[in-house]
Amino acid sequence: MVSLLSGKVKIQTKALDESYILEPGQQLQYIPTEKEIKILKVTTETAIGWKDGLLSFKNAGFSEVVESLERWYGVNIQVSGKPSKAWKLSGRYENQNLDLVLDRMSFIENFNYDINKKNIHLKF
């Protein structure tokens, strides 16, 4: 994932043999399971909020949320089943522990979860 706040940057991929130019406010995401690159709009808060302990999502899909939670909290997330609908999760979590974040997300997106140290199991 690459986010750009100012300037312009060209990204060349070896795997897909393509190049992309990012403008301010854009984020490039590589989705390895789909071998696909997406360019999304991103806010400064979403891109660099981690510096201030701010985890932020705006219309985030399921895989984006899982990847962010794994990076943010240093956990491994396993999934049983799959969401009944496409996720477009928006939320702002400032210095929140993982249990609270999952609790809020599970209420919105209708899933159960178990936490065992650094292993999280999401159940749909």
Protein backbone atom coordinates (compact mmCIF):
# COMPACT_ATOMS: atom_id res chain seq x y z
CA MET A 1 0.00 0.00 0.00
CA VAL A 2 1.31 3.44 -0.97
CA SER A 3 -0.42 6.71 -0.05
CA LEU A 4 0.51 10.10 -1.46
CA LEU A 5 -0.17 13.38 0.33
CA SER A 6 1.72 15.80 -1.91
CA GLY A 7 3.68 15.80 -5.13
CA LYS A 8 3.44 13.05 -7.71
CA VAL A 9 4.93 9.56 -7.81
CA LYS A 10 5.23 6.85 -10.45
CA ILE A 11 5.03 3.24 -9.29
CA GLN A 12 6.28 0.42 -11.48
CA THR A 13 5.17 -3.13 -10.68
CA LYS A 14 7.29 -6.12 -11.60
CA ALA A 15 4.57 -8.68 -10.92
CA LEU A 16 2.03 -7.11 -13.28
CA ASP A 17 4.50 -5.24 -15.52
CA GLU A 18 2.49 -2.04 -15.29
CA SER A 19 3.10 1.48 -14.02
CA TYR A 20 0.83 3.87 -12.15
CA ILE A 21 1.03 7.57 -11.36
CA LEU A 22 -0.34 8.68 -8.01
CA GLU A 23 -1.58 12.19 -7.34
CA PRO A 24 -2.07 13.78 -3.90
CA GLY A 25 -4.92 12.15 -1.99
CA GLN A 26 -4.57 8.77 -3.72
CA GLN A 27 -3.59 5.38 -2.38
CA LEU A 28 -2.38 2.38 -4.36
CA GLN A 29 -3.28 -1.03 -2.93
CA TYR A 30 -2.11 -4.39 -4.20
CA ILE A 31 -4.51 -7.25 -3.47
CA PRO A 32 -2.42 -10.41 -3.75
CA THR A 33 -5.35 -12.84 -3.59
CA GLU A 34 -6.85 -11.21 -6.69
CA LYS A 35 -3.53 -10.13 -8.28
CA GLU A 36 -5.12 -6.73 -8.69
CA ILE A 37 -4.10 -3.14 -8.06
CA LYS A 38 -6.63 -0.55 -6.93
CA ILE A 39 -6.18 3.19 -6.70
CA LEU A 40 -8.40 4.76 -4.06
CA LYS A 41 -9.01 8.23 -2.72
CA VAL A 42 -7.56 8.71 0.75
CA THR A 43 -7.67 11.44 3.36
CA THR A 44 -4.66 12.64 5.30
CA GLU A 45 -6.28 11.20 8.44
CA THR A 46 -6.57 7.75 6.89
CA ALA A 47 -3.06 7.80 5.42
CA ILE A 48 -1.02 9.07 8.38
CA GLY A 49 -3.37 8.86 11.35
CA TRP A 50 -1.26 5.99 12.73
CA LYS A 51 1.27 8.60 13.94
CA ASP A 52 -1.34 9.92 16.35
CA GLY A 53 -2.89 6.57 17.31
CA LEU A 54 -5.81 7.03 14.93
CA LEU A 55 -7.16 4.04 13.02
CA SER A 56 -9.59 5.30 10.40
CA PHE A 57 -11.70 3.68 7.68
CA LYS A 58 -13.82 5.28 4.98
CA ASN A 59 -15.98 2.88 2.96
CA ALA A 60 -13.37 0.16 3.51
CA GLY A 61 -13.86 -3.32 2.13
CA PHE A 62 -13.48 -6.47 4.22
CA SER A 63 -9.95 -7.38 3.05
CA GLU A 64 -8.74 -3.81 3.63
CA VAL A 65 -10.11 -3.87 7.19
CA VAL A 66 -8.54 -7.26 7.97
CA GLU A 67 -5.13 -6.21 6.59
CA SER A 68 -5.24 -2.93 8.52
CA LEU A 69 -6.15 -4.65 11.79
CA GLU A 70 -3.37 -7.22 11.34
CA ARG A 71 -0.78 -4.49 10.75
CA TRP A 72 -2.11 -2.08 13.39
CA TYR A 73 -2.37 -4.59 16.24
CA GLY A 74 0.28 -7.11 15.13
CA VAL A 75 -2.18 -10.00 15.04
CA ASN A 76 -3.05 -12.86 12.71
CA ILE A 77 -6.70 -12.96 11.62
CA GLN A 78 -8.39 -16.18 10.46
CA VAL A 79 -11.87 -16.13 8.95
CA SER A 80 -14.61 -18.77 8.92
CA GLY A 81 -17.38 -18.17 6.40
CA LYS A 82 -17.67 -14.86 4.64
CA PRO A 83 -19.60 -11.62 5.00
CA SER A 84 -23.18 -11.74 3.73
CA LYS A 85 -22.71 -8.43 1.92
CA ALA A 86 -19.86 -6.27 0.66
CA TRP A 87 -18.34 -4.14 3.40
CA LYS A 88 -18.25 -0.36 3.18
CA LEU A 89 -17.05 0.22 6.72
CA SER A 90 -16.43 3.73 7.96
CA GLY A 91 -15.15 4.40 11.44
CA ARG A 92 -12.64 6.26 13.53
CA TYR A 93 -10.85 4.60 16.44
CA GLU A 94 -8.52 6.74 18.51
CA ASN A 95 -6.10 4.81 20.74
CA GLN A 96 -8.62 1.95 21.10
CA ASN A 97 -7.77 -1.62 22.05
CA LEU A 98 -8.50 -4.40 19.56
CA ASP A 99 -11.32 -5.92 21.62
CA LEU A 100 -13.28 -2.66 21.56
CA VAL A 101 -12.69 -2.13 17.83
CA LEU A 102 -13.83 -5.68 17.00
CA ASP A 103 -16.82 -5.32 19.29
CA ARG A 104 -18.01 -2.22 17.43
CA MET A 105 -17.31 -3.71 14.01
CA SER A 106 -19.06 -6.98 14.86
CA PHE A 107 -22.20 -5.09 15.82
CA ILE A 108 -22.23 -3.23 12.50
CA GLU A 109 -21.14 -6.09 10.21
CA ASN A 110 -22.76 -9.02 12.07
CA PHE A 111 -19.93 -11.42 12.96
CA ASN A 112 -18.58 -13.14 16.06
CA TYR A 113 -14.93 -13.24 17.07
CA ASP A 114 -12.52 -14.92 19.45
CA ILE A 115 -9.21 -13.49 20.63
CA ASN A 116 -6.46 -15.89 21.72
CA LYS A 117 -3.31 -13.83 22.33
CA LYS A 118 -2.19 -12.71 18.84
CA ASN A 119 -4.65 -14.94 16.96
CA ILE A 120 -8.08 -13.60 16.04
CA HIS A 121 -10.86 -15.74 14.60
CA LEU A 122 -13.73 -13.97 12.81
CA LYS A 123 -16.86 -16.11 12.32
CA PHE A 124 -19.63 -15.32 9.87
